C-alpha atoms as a PDB file:
ATOM      1  CA  MET A   1       0.000   0.000   0.000  1.00  0.00           C
ATOM      2  CA  GLU A   2       2.878   2.334   0.848  1.00  0.00           C
ATOM      3  CA  MET A   3       4.556   1.577  -2.484  1.00  0.00           C
ATOM      4  CA  GLU A   4       1.283   2.244  -4.302  1.00  0.00           C
ATOM      5  CA  SER A   5       0.901   5.614  -2.561  1.00  0.00           C
ATOM      6  CA  GLN A   6       4.443   6.479  -3.542  1.00  0.00           C
ATOM      7  CA  LYS A   7       3.738   5.681  -7.186  1.00  0.00           C
ATOM      8  CA  ILE A   8       0.601   7.832  -7.112  1.00  0.00           C
ATOM      9  CA  GLU A   9       2.639  10.722  -5.668  1.00  0.00           C
ATOM     10  CA  GLU A  10       5.206  10.262  -8.444  1.00  0.00           C
ATOM     11  CA  LEU A  11       2.422  10.319 -11.018  1.00  0.00           C
ATOM     12  CA  GLY A  12       1.065  13.523  -9.493  1.00  0.00           C
ATOM     13  CA  ALA A  13       4.496  15.128  -9.712  1.00  0.00           C
ATOM     14  CA  LEU A  14       4.785  14.112 -13.361  1.00  0.00           C
ATOM     15  CA  LEU A  15       1.386  15.634 -14.102  1.00  0.00           C
ATOM     16  CA  ASP A  16       2.415  18.862 -12.386  1.00  0.00           C
ATOM     17  CA  ARG A  17       5.534  18.932 -14.541  1.00  0.00           C
ATOM     18  CA  LEU A  18       3.445  18.179 -17.634  1.00  0.00           C
ATOM     19  CA  HIS A  19       1.146  21.095 -16.802  1.00  0.00           C
ATOM     20  CA  VAL A  20       4.145  23.433 -16.631  1.00  0.00           C
ATOM     21  CA  LEU A  21       5.585  22.145 -19.920  1.00  0.00           C
ATOM     22  CA  ILE A  22       2.290  22.578 -21.745  1.00  0.00           C
ATOM     23  CA  GLY A  23       2.112  26.150 -20.501  1.00  0.00           C
ATOM     24  CA  GLU A  24       5.576  26.818 -21.949  1.00  0.00           C
ATOM     25  CA  VAL A  25       4.600  25.676 -25.446  1.00  0.00           C
ATOM     26  CA  ASP A  26       3.640  28.633 -27.642  1.00  0.00           C
ATOM     27  CA  LYS A  27       1.137  26.644 -29.719  1.00  0.00           C
ATOM     28  CA  PRO A  28      -0.390  23.863 -27.592  1.00  0.00           C
ATOM     29  CA  ASN A  29      -2.358  22.524 -30.573  1.00  0.00           C
ATOM     30  CA  ILE A  30       0.852  21.075 -32.073  1.00  0.00           C
ATOM     31  CA  ILE A  31       1.346  18.755 -29.090  1.00  0.00           C
ATOM     32  CA  ARG A  32      -1.016  16.096 -30.469  1.00  0.00           C
ATOM     33  CA  ASP A  33       0.899  15.857 -33.751  1.00  0.00           C
ATOM     34  CA  ALA A  34       4.202  15.621 -31.901  1.00  0.00           C
ATOM     35  CA  LEU A  35       3.235  12.614 -29.757  1.00  0.00           C
ATOM     36  CA  ASP A  36       3.340   9.025 -30.950  1.00  0.00           C
ATOM     37  CA  THR A  37       0.456   6.553 -30.666  1.00  0.00           C
ATOM     38  CA  GLU A  38       1.703   4.969 -27.443  1.00  0.00           C
ATOM     39  CA  GLN A  39       2.040   8.359 -25.743  1.00  0.00           C
ATOM     40  CA  LEU A  40      -1.448   9.339 -26.849  1.00  0.00           C
ATOM     41  CA  ASP A  41      -2.816   6.039 -25.518  1.00  0.00           C
ATOM     42  CA  THR A  42      -1.186   6.796 -22.168  1.00  0.00           C
ATOM     43  CA  LEU A  43      -2.946  10.162 -22.009  1.00  0.00           C
ATOM     44  CA  ARG A  44      -6.234   8.486 -22.939  1.00  0.00           C
ATOM     45  CA  THR A  45      -5.763   5.954 -20.122  1.00  0.00           C
ATOM     46  CA  ILE A  46      -5.138   8.740 -17.595  1.00  0.00           C
ATOM     47  CA  TYR A  47      -8.274  10.517 -18.790  1.00  0.00           C
ATOM     48  CA  GLU A  48     -10.412   7.373 -18.511  1.00  0.00           C
ATOM     49  CA  ILE A  49      -9.144   6.650 -15.010  1.00  0.00           C
ATOM     50  CA  CYS A  50      -9.792  10.157 -13.730  1.00  0.00           C
ATOM     51  CA  VAL A  51     -13.015  11.108 -15.509  1.00  0.00           C
ATOM     52  CA  GLU A  52     -16.396   9.413 -15.554  1.00  0.00           C
ATOM     53  CA  CYS A  53     -18.313  10.905 -18.455  1.00  0.00           C
ATOM     54  CA  GLU A  54     -21.817   9.783 -19.356  1.00  0.00           C
ATOM     55  CA  GLU A  55     -22.137  12.259 -22.219  1.00  0.00           C
ATOM     56  CA  LEU A  56     -20.602  11.038 -25.453  1.00  0.00           C
ATOM     57  CA  GLU A  57     -18.121  13.513 -26.833  1.00  0.00           C
ATOM     58  CA  GLU A  58     -16.497  13.656 -30.243  1.00  0.00           C
ATOM     59  CA  GLY A  59     -13.159  12.363 -28.993  1.00  0.00           C
ATOM     60  CA  ASP A  60     -14.756   9.250 -27.514  1.00  0.00           C
ATOM     61  CA  LEU A  61     -15.829   8.008 -30.928  1.00  0.00           C
ATOM     62  CA  LEU A  62     -12.387   7.596 -32.413  1.00  0.00           C
ATOM     63  CA  PRO A  63      -9.156   5.949 -31.291  1.00  0.00           C
ATOM     64  CA  LEU A  64      -6.446   8.450 -30.404  1.00  0.00           C
ATOM     65  CA  LYS A  65      -4.273   8.962 -33.433  1.00  0.00           C
ATOM     66  CA  LYS A  66      -2.668  11.745 -35.349  1.00  0.00           C
ATOM     67  CA  THR A  67      -5.116  13.728 -37.428  1.00  0.00           C
ATOM     68  CA  LYS A  68      -4.627  15.459 -40.728  1.00  0.00           C
ATOM     69  CA  LYS A  69      -4.228  19.184 -40.553  1.00  0.00           C
ATOM     70  CA  ARG A  70      -7.261  21.040 -41.813  1.00  0.00           C
ATOM     71  CA  LYS A  71      -6.694  23.178 -44.866  1.00  0.00           C
ATOM     72  CA  ARG A  72      -6.949  26.858 -44.157  1.00  0.00           C
ATOM     73  CA  GLY A  73      -9.325  29.105 -46.002  1.00  0.00           C
ATOM     74  CA  LEU A  74     -12.193  26.602 -46.150  1.00  0.00           C
ATOM     75  CA  LYS A  75     -15.327  27.951 -44.515  1.00  0.00           C
ATOM     76  CA  SER A  76     -17.850  25.688 -42.847  1.00  0.00           C
ATOM     77  CA  GLN A  77     -21.023  25.540 -44.929  1.00  0.00           C
ATOM     78  CA  LEU A  78     -23.968  23.583 -43.569  1.00  0.00           C
ATOM     79  CA  GLY A  79     -25.096  21.126 -46.207  1.00  0.00           C
ATOM     80  CA  GLY A  80     -22.068  21.912 -48.363  1.00  0.00           C
ATOM     81  CA  PRO A  81     -19.506  19.475 -49.804  1.00  0.00           C
ATOM     82  CA  GLY A  82     -17.514  19.393 -46.570  1.00  0.00           C
ATOM     83  CA  ASP A  83     -20.496  18.797 -44.286  1.00  0.00           C
ATOM     84  CA  PRO A  84     -20.387  15.157 -43.101  1.00  0.00           C
ATOM     85  CA  TRP A  85     -24.038  15.449 -42.056  1.00  0.00           C
ATOM     86  CA  LYS A  86     -25.261  16.847 -45.396  1.00  0.00           C
ATOM     87  CA  ARG A  87     -27.349  13.723 -46.072  1.00  0.00           C
ATOM     88  CA  ILE A  88     -29.471  14.831 -43.101  1.00  0.00           C
ATOM     89  CA  THR A  89     -28.984  18.599 -43.158  1.00  0.00           C
ATOM     90  CA  ASN A  90     -30.264  18.712 -46.748  1.00  0.00           C
ATOM     91  CA  LEU A  91     -33.382  16.625 -46.115  1.00  0.00           C
ATOM     92  CA  GLU A  92     -36.481  18.419 -47.393  1.00  0.00           C
ATOM     93  CA  ILE A  93     -38.872  15.964 -45.711  1.00  0.00           C
ATOM     94  CA  LEU A  94     -38.426  13.081 -43.309  1.00  0.00           C
ATOM     95  CA  PRO A  95     -37.936   9.683 -44.973  1.00  0.00           C
ATOM     96  CA  ALA A  96     -40.989   7.444 -44.877  1.00  0.00           C
ATOM     97  CA  LEU A  97     -40.862   4.292 -42.799  1.00  0.00           C
ATOM     98  CA  PRO A  98     -40.009   1.206 -44.890  1.00  0.00           C
ATOM     99  CA  VAL A  99     -43.034  -0.685 -46.198  1.00  0.00           C
ATOM    100  CA  PHE A 100     -42.185  -3.814 -44.212  1.00  0.00           C
ATOM    101  CA  VAL A 101     -42.085  -1.716 -41.026  1.00  0.00           C
ATOM    102  CA  THR A 102     -45.486  -0.114 -41.607  1.00  0.00           C
ATOM    103  CA  THR A 103     -46.903  -3.532 -42.548  1.00  0.00           C
ATOM    104  CA  HIS A 104     -45.603  -4.954 -39.288  1.00  0.00           C
ATOM    105  CA  LEU A 105     -47.003  -2.063 -37.265  1.00  0.00           C
ATOM    106  CA  LYS A 106     -50.450  -2.582 -38.786  1.00  0.00           C
ATOM    107  CA  LYS A 107     -50.339  -6.320 -38.147  1.00  0.00           C
ATOM    108  CA  TYR A 108     -48.825  -6.082 -34.666  1.00  0.00           C
ATOM    109  CA  PRO A 109     -49.866  -2.722 -33.177  1.00  0.00           C
ATOM    110  CA  ALA A 110     -48.765  -3.743 -29.676  1.00  0.00           C
ATOM    111  CA  ASP A 111     -45.262  -2.850 -28.544  1.00  0.00           C
ATOM    112  CA  THR A 112     -44.394  -6.428 -27.554  1.00  0.00           C
ATOM    113  CA  GLU A 113     -44.065  -8.001 -31.009  1.00  0.00           C
ATOM    114  CA  ALA A 114     -40.342  -7.443 -31.622  1.00  0.00           C
ATOM    115  CA  GLU A 115     -39.768 -11.199 -31.908  1.00  0.00           C
ATOM    116  CA  ASN A 116     -42.009 -11.321 -34.982  1.00  0.00           C
ATOM    117  CA  PHE A 117     -40.058  -8.436 -36.479  1.00  0.00           C
ATOM    118  CA  LEU A 118     -36.712 -10.112 -35.878  1.00  0.00           C
ATOM    119  CA  ARG A 119     -37.635 -13.547 -37.208  1.00  0.00           C
ATOM    120  CA  ALA A 120     -35.491 -15.224 -39.828  1.00  0.00           C
ATOM    121  CA  LEU A 121     -35.482 -13.510 -43.200  1.00  0.00           C
ATOM    122  CA  SER A 122     -37.004 -15.355 -46.108  1.00  0.00           C
ATOM    123  CA  LEU A 123     -36.310 -14.822 -49.773  1.00  0.00           C
ATOM    124  CA  ALA A 124     -38.590 -16.731 -52.136  1.00  0.00           C
ATOM    125  CA  SER A 125     -37.740 -16.981 -55.807  1.00  0.00           C
ATOM    126  CA  ASN A 126     -39.208 -18.719 -58.822  1.00  0.00           C
ATOM    127  CA  CYS A 127     -36.552 -17.388 -61.191  1.00  0.00           C
ATOM    128  CA  GLY A 128     -35.373 -20.888 -62.055  1.00  0.00           C
ATOM    129  CA  GLN A 129     -38.795 -21.910 -63.354  1.00  0.00           C
ATOM    130  CA  TYR A 130     -38.451 -19.929 -66.545  1.00  0.00           C
ATOM    131  CA  SER A 131     -36.177 -20.321 -69.536  1.00  0.00           C
ATOM    132  CA  SER A 132     -35.220 -17.016 -71.080  1.00  0.00           C
ATOM    133  CA  ALA A 133     -35.336 -18.678 -74.517  1.00  0.00           C
ATOM    134  CA  ASP A 134     -38.884 -19.988 -74.072  1.00  0.00           C
ATOM    135  CA  ASP A 135     -40.513 -17.213 -72.068  1.00  0.00           C
ATOM    136  CA  LEU A 136     -38.419 -14.057 -72.033  1.00  0.00           C
ATOM    137  CA  GLY A 137     -41.145 -11.863 -70.520  1.00  0.00           C
ATOM    138  CA  ASN A 138     -41.873 -14.139 -67.561  1.00  0.00           C
ATOM    139  CA  ALA A 139     -38.170 -14.738 -66.961  1.00  0.00           C
ATOM    140  CA  PHE A 140     -37.553 -10.989 -66.938  1.00  0.00           C
ATOM    141  CA  MET A 141     -40.397 -10.251 -64.518  1.00  0.00           C
ATOM    142  CA  ALA A 142     -39.401 -13.123 -62.228  1.00  0.00           C
ATOM    143  CA  ARG A 143     -35.860 -11.777 -62.037  1.00  0.00           C
ATOM    144  CA  TYR A 144     -37.176  -8.220 -61.523  1.00  0.00           C
ATOM    145  CA  LYS A 145     -39.410  -9.264 -58.620  1.00  0.00           C
ATOM    146  CA  TRP A 146     -36.597 -11.320 -57.124  1.00  0.00           C
ATOM    147  CA  THR A 147     -34.290  -8.287 -57.271  1.00  0.00           C
ATOM    148  CA  GLN A 148     -36.917  -6.209 -55.494  1.00  0.00           C
ATOM    149  CA  GLN A 149     -37.051  -8.842 -52.753  1.00  0.00           C
ATOM    150  CA  VAL A 150     -33.269  -8.766 -52.437  1.00  0.00           C
ATOM    151  CA  GLU A 151     -33.276  -4.972 -52.081  1.00  0.00           C
ATOM    152  CA  ARG A 152     -36.007  -5.105 -49.447  1.00  0.00           C
ATOM    153  CA  ARG A 153     -34.054  -7.795 -47.647  1.00  0.00           C
ATOM    154  CA  ASP A 154     -30.868  -5.692 -47.784  1.00  0.00           C
ATOM    155  CA  GLU A 155     -32.797  -2.787 -46.255  1.00  0.00           C
ATOM    156  CA  LYS A 156     -34.102  -5.025 -43.489  1.00  0.00           C
ATOM    157  CA  ILE A 157     -30.655  -6.488 -42.825  1.00  0.00           C
ATOM    158  CA  HIS A 158     -29.162  -2.992 -42.543  1.00  0.00           C
ATOM    159  CA  ILE A 159     -31.804  -2.019 -39.981  1.00  0.00           C
ATOM    160  CA  PHE A 160     -31.003  -5.173 -38.020  1.00  0.00           C
ATOM    161  CA  GLN A 161     -27.292  -4.301 -38.194  1.00  0.00           C
ATOM    162  CA  LEU A 162     -27.970  -0.865 -36.724  1.00  0.00           C
ATOM    163  CA  PHE A 163     -29.926  -2.385 -33.842  1.00  0.00           C
ATOM    164  CA  ASN A 164     -27.129  -4.919 -33.398  1.00  0.00           C
ATOM    165  CA  ASP A 165     -24.513  -2.151 -33.195  1.00  0.00           C
ATOM    166  CA  LEU A 166     -26.712  -0.481 -30.595  1.00  0.00           C
ATOM    167  CA  PHE A 167     -26.859  -3.801 -28.727  1.00  0.00           C
ATOM    168  CA  TRP A 168     -23.058  -3.924 -28.446  1.00  0.00           C
ATOM    169  CA  PHE A 169     -23.042  -0.420 -26.997  1.00  0.00           C
ATOM    170  CA  ASP A 170     -25.714  -1.505 -24.494  1.00  0.00           C
ATOM    171  CA  MET A 171     -23.620  -4.576 -23.692  1.00  0.00           C
ATOM    172  CA  MET A 172     -20.578  -2.439 -22.916  1.00  0.00           C
ATOM    173  CA  GLN A 173     -22.794  -0.248 -20.728  1.00  0.00           C
ATOM    174  CA  LEU A 174     -23.743  -3.325 -18.711  1.00  0.00           C
ATOM    175  CA  LEU A 175     -20.084  -4.067 -18.073  1.00  0.00           C
ATOM    176  CA  ARG A 176     -19.157  -0.437 -17.353  1.00  0.00           C
ATOM    177  CA  PRO A 177     -22.244   1.773 -16.940  1.00  0.00           C
ATOM    178  CA  HIS A 178     -20.401   5.099 -17.081  1.00  0.00           C
ATOM    179  CA  GLY A 179     -18.315   4.219 -20.129  1.00  0.00           C
ATOM    180  CA  THR A 180     -18.692   5.926 -23.484  1.00  0.00           C
ATOM    181  CA  GLY A 181     -18.810   2.748 -25.561  1.00  0.00           C
ATOM    182  CA  ARG A 182     -15.172   2.939 -26.582  1.00  0.00           C
ATOM    183  CA  VAL A 183     -13.170  -0.098 -25.472  1.00  0.00           C
ATOM    184  CA  GLY A 184     -10.285   1.780 -23.901  1.00  0.00           C
ATOM    185  CA  ALA A 185      -7.984   0.683 -21.099  1.00  0.00           C
ATOM    186  CA  MET A 186     -10.624   0.569 -18.350  1.00  0.00           C
ATOM    187  CA  MET A 187     -13.290  -0.996 -20.558  1.00  0.00           C
ATOM    188  CA  ARG A 188     -10.788  -3.542 -21.848  1.00  0.00           C
ATOM    189  CA  VAL A 189     -10.229  -4.764 -18.300  1.00  0.00           C
ATOM    190  CA  GLU A 190     -13.970  -5.266 -17.756  1.00  0.00           C
ATOM    191  CA  LEU A 191     -14.432  -6.973 -21.117  1.00  0.00           C
ATOM    192  CA  ASP A 192     -11.445  -9.242 -20.552  1.00  0.00           C
ATOM    193  CA  ARG A 193     -12.829 -10.255 -17.159  1.00  0.00           C
ATOM    194  CA  PHE A 194     -16.196 -11.033 -18.753  1.00  0.00           C
ATOM    195  CA  LEU A 195     -14.674 -13.098 -21.583  1.00  0.00           C
ATOM    196  CA  THR A 196     -12.035 -14.989 -19.579  1.00  0.00           C
ATOM    197  CA  PRO A 197     -14.300 -17.931 -18.567  1.00  0.00           C
ATOM    198  CA  LEU A 198     -15.204 -18.647 -22.210  1.00  0.00           C
ATOM    199  CA  ASP A 199     -13.472 -21.463 -24.128  1.00  0.00           C
ATOM    200  CA  PHE A 200     -12.239 -19.621 -27.211  1.00  0.00           C
ATOM    201  CA  ASP A 201     -10.341 -22.638 -28.564  1.00  0.00           C
ATOM    202  CA  LYS A 202     -13.549 -24.656 -28.575  1.00  0.00           C
ATOM    203  CA  MET A 203     -15.378 -21.841 -30.355  1.00  0.00           C
ATOM    204  CA  GLY A 204     -12.563 -21.376 -32.866  1.00  0.00           C
ATOM    205  CA  LEU A 205     -12.092 -17.735 -31.914  1.00  0.00           C
ATOM    206  CA  GLN A 206      -9.250 -15.554 -30.686  1.00  0.00           C
ATOM    207  CA  LYS A 207     -10.029 -13.410 -27.657  1.00  0.00           C
ATOM    208  CA  HIS A 208      -8.036 -10.414 -28.888  1.00  0.00           C
ATOM    209  CA  GLU A 209      -9.930 -10.461 -32.187  1.00  0.00           C
ATOM    210  CA  VAL A 210     -13.251 -10.690 -30.360  1.00  0.00           C
ATOM    211  CA  MET A 211     -12.330  -7.701 -28.200  1.00  0.00           C
ATOM    212  CA  ALA A 212     -11.238  -5.683 -31.238  1.00  0.00           C
ATOM    213  CA  ASN A 213     -14.450  -6.447 -33.143  1.00  0.00           C
ATOM    214  CA  VAL A 214     -16.657  -5.710 -30.143  1.00  0.00           C
ATOM    215  CA  GLY A 215     -14.826  -2.414 -29.749  1.00  0.00           C
ATOM    216  CA  ASP A 216     -15.594  -1.414 -33.348  1.00  0.00           C
ATOM    217  CA  TRP A 217     -19.239  -2.450 -33.064  1.00  0.00           C
ATOM    218  CA  SER A 218     -19.654  -0.654 -29.758  1.00  0.00           C
ATOM    219  CA  ILE A 219     -18.244   2.583 -31.167  1.00  0.00           C
ATOM    220  CA  ARG A 220     -20.771   2.455 -33.990  1.00  0.00           C
ATOM    221  CA  GLY A 221     -23.463   1.731 -31.413  1.00  0.00           C
ATOM    222  CA  ALA A 222     -22.316   4.690 -29.315  1.00  0.00           C
ATOM    223  CA  LYS A 223     -22.840   6.979 -32.285  1.00  0.00           C
ATOM    224  CA  ILE A 224     -26.321   5.594 -32.865  1.00  0.00           C
ATOM    225  CA  HIS A 225     -27.042   5.970 -29.138  1.00  0.00           C
ATOM    226  CA  LYS A 226     -26.098   9.646 -29.405  1.00  0.00           C
ATOM    227  CA  LEU A 227     -29.122  10.096 -31.680  1.00  0.00           C
ATOM    228  CA  CYS A 228     -31.260   7.751 -29.573  1.00  0.00           C
ATOM    229  CA  VAL A 229     -30.745   9.968 -26.531  1.00  0.00           C
ATOM    230  CA  ARG A 230     -32.467  12.791 -28.399  1.00  0.00           C
ATOM    231  CA  TYR A 231     -34.998  10.942 -30.558  1.00  0.00           C
ATOM    232  CA  GLY A 232     -35.269   7.420 -29.143  1.00  0.00           C
ATOM    233  CA  PRO A 233     -34.277   4.192 -30.956  1.00  0.00           C
ATOM    234  CA  GLY A 234     -37.096   4.756 -33.451  1.00  0.00           C
ATOM    235  CA  VAL A 235     -34.635   7.046 -35.237  1.00  0.00           C
ATOM    236  CA  ILE A 236     -33.081   3.878 -36.694  1.00  0.00           C
ATOM    237  CA  LEU A 237     -36.289   2.936 -38.500  1.00  0.00           C
ATOM    238  CA  VAL A 238     -36.598   6.404 -40.041  1.00  0.00           C
ATOM    239  CA  LEU A 239     -32.972   7.341 -40.808  1.00  0.00           C
ATOM    240  CA  HIS A 240     -31.468   3.910 -41.537  1.00  0.00           C
ATOM    241  CA  LYS A 241     -30.527   4.916 -45.086  1.00  0.00           C
ATOM    242  CA  GLN A 242     -28.728   8.008 -43.819  1.00  0.00           C
ATOM    243  CA  LEU A 243     -26.928   5.967 -41.131  1.00  0.00           C
ATOM    244  CA  SER A 244     -24.807   3.977 -43.561  1.00  0.00           C
ATOM    245  CA  ARG A 245     -21.820   1.934 -42.445  1.00  0.00           C
ATOM    246  CA  SER A 246     -19.371   4.307 -44.133  1.00  0.00           C
ATOM    247  CA  PHE A 247     -21.016   7.318 -42.446  1.00  0.00           C
ATOM    248  CA  LEU A 248     -20.899   5.748 -38.975  1.00  0.00           C
ATOM    249  CA  GLU A 249     -17.322   4.559 -39.354  1.00  0.00           C
ATOM    250  CA  GLY A 250     -15.913   7.655 -40.979  1.00  0.00           C
ATOM    251  CA  ARG A 251     -17.816  10.909 -41.293  1.00  0.00           C
ATOM    252  CA  PHE A 252     -20.043  10.869 -38.205  1.00  0.00           C
ATOM    253  CA  THR A 253     -19.316  13.776 -35.861  1.00  0.00           C
ATOM    254  CA  ALA A 254     -20.889  14.004 -32.413  1.00  0.00           C
ATOM    255  CA  SER A 255     -20.538  17.744 -31.917  1.00  0.00           C
ATOM    256  CA  GLY A 256     -19.726  20.949 -33.742  1.00  0.00           C
ATOM    257  CA  PRO A 257     -21.594  23.124 -36.255  1.00  0.00           C
ATOM    258  CA  TYR A 258     -22.298  20.337 -38.757  1.00  0.00           C
ATOM    259  CA  TYR A 259     -23.784  18.074 -36.101  1.00  0.00           C
ATOM    260  CA  ASN A 260     -25.843  20.944 -34.691  1.00  0.00           C
ATOM    261  CA  GLY A 261     -27.041  21.856 -38.176  1.00  0.00           C
ATOM    262  CA  ALA A 262     -28.266  18.309 -38.787  1.00  0.00           C
ATOM    263  CA  ILE A 263     -30.019  18.165 -35.409  1.00  0.00           C
ATOM    264  CA  ASN A 264     -31.696  21.522 -36.011  1.00  0.00           C
ATOM    265  CA  ARG A 265     -32.923  20.246 -39.368  1.00  0.00           C
ATOM    266  CA  LEU A 266     -34.374  17.060 -37.870  1.00  0.00           C
ATOM    267  CA  ASP A 267     -36.041  19.086 -35.122  1.00  0.00           C
ATOM    268  CA  SER A 268     -37.567  21.475 -37.644  1.00  0.00           C
ATOM    269  CA  LEU A 269     -38.936  18.511 -39.624  1.00  0.00           C
ATOM    270  CA  GLY A 270     -40.605  17.189 -36.464  1.00  0.00           C
ATOM    271  CA  LEU A 271     -38.694  13.913 -36.210  1.00  0.00           C
ATOM    272  CA  ASN A 272     -39.681  13.255 -32.587  1.00  0.00           C
ATOM    273  CA  THR A 273     -43.377  13.706 -33.326  1.00  0.00           C
ATOM    274  CA  TYR A 274     -43.177  11.537 -36.440  1.00  0.00           C
ATOM    275  CA  ILE A 275     -41.394   8.687 -34.645  1.00  0.00           C
ATOM    276  CA  ASN A 276     -43.854   8.663 -31.756  1.00  0.00           C
ATOM    277  CA  ASN A 277     -47.040   9.073 -33.809  1.00  0.00           C
ATOM    278  CA  SER A 278     -46.090   6.344 -36.298  1.00  0.00           C
ATOM    279  CA  GLY A 279     -45.594   3.683 -33.632  1.00  0.00           C
ATOM    280  CA  ALA A 280     -41.957   3.273 -34.669  1.00  0.00           C
ATOM    281  CA  GLU A 281     -40.709   4.267 -31.218  1.00  0.00           C
ATOM    282  CA  LEU A 282     -42.573   1.526 -29.334  1.00  0.00           C
ATOM    283  CA  LEU A 283     -41.395  -1.085 -31.820  1.00  0.00           C
ATOM    284  CA  ALA A 284     -37.792   0.128 -31.669  1.00  0.00           C
ATOM    285  CA  ILE A 285     -37.785   0.196 -27.858  1.00  0.00           C
ATOM    286  CA  SER A 286     -39.142  -3.350 -27.846  1.00  0.00           C
ATOM    287  CA  ILE A 287     -36.418  -4.521 -30.249  1.00  0.00           C
ATOM    288  CA  ARG A 288     -33.655  -2.855 -28.240  1.00  0.00           C
ATOM    289  CA  ASN A 289     -34.938  -4.295 -24.961  1.00  0.00           C
ATOM    290  CA  LEU A 290     -35.357  -7.767 -26.438  1.00  0.00           C
ATOM    291  CA  LEU A 291     -31.755  -7.920 -27.653  1.00  0.00           C
ATOM    292  CA  ILE A 292     -30.175  -6.922 -24.340  1.00  0.00           C
ATOM    293  CA  LYS A 293     -32.710  -8.571 -21.997  1.00  0.00           C
ATOM    294  CA  PRO A 294     -30.956 -11.946 -21.407  1.00  0.00           C
ATOM    295  CA  PHE A 295     -27.693 -10.198 -20.560  1.00  0.00           C
ATOM    296  CA  GLN A 296     -29.424  -7.757 -18.219  1.00  0.00           C
ATOM    297  CA  GLU A 297     -31.089 -10.665 -16.424  1.00  0.00           C
ATOM    298  CA  ALA A 298     -27.778 -12.504 -16.125  1.00  0.00           C
ATOM    299  CA  GLN A 299     -26.094  -9.419 -14.666  1.00  0.00           C
ATOM    300  CA  SER A 300     -28.841  -8.728 -12.110  1.00  0.00           C
END
């Protein structure tokens, strides 16, 4: 215990010295570019140990790494070429709910039918019944209808993927309730403790790969959760096309003028009212709860 106290005192002295050094640098913003990845990870670890932050900030969505310098002279223009949220900022009207969602809501108006919504996908096709040489018209229409089914299925799968990303964020919240969703040093300890009893050799998996994948999924889920805090999980059913994988993994920003511009646009279009009045919110809440429920029960 005495040795531990001594180490903490040494760490405090180093931080005091660091504070002085930062104050002596004329342009503090160059410090990030001057540090290597390991040094940045050390600073991130210190931050995670000392700060419990329930509000997701921009820096929590990305691993610490050197960033490209922004070109000078470029002005921020909401909805312009450089706006990562332009797909939302430039919306003239809110996207309609997918047909399969509205069909489900009519068939199952209660908020407890998420299991029906999540059932195995089916894709019927009679394309092989026609010979293009014998019946070109029927063969064409069969292939056309089959393609429509594939596109509807792709849309449904993407919605499921978004809910699944949100699940991994919720899972990380179970392990560390005040975490941001990023699997940093503190979260890695909790996740490692949770995974240790599992037989990875029997499952044909590598624990470090599992942790890396879960970290990526949870970060995407944290970004989706940022919108859920404001609009509820029903936002997934409405904006799933805007929330593409490339957007979530690359261009999503959780603060700043572009983010605020997109939020203001969604507010002006009445997104909250639309989600609640359509029944999408109750369905989305039911789906989210259903996915995390067994893990919540196991933790309680």
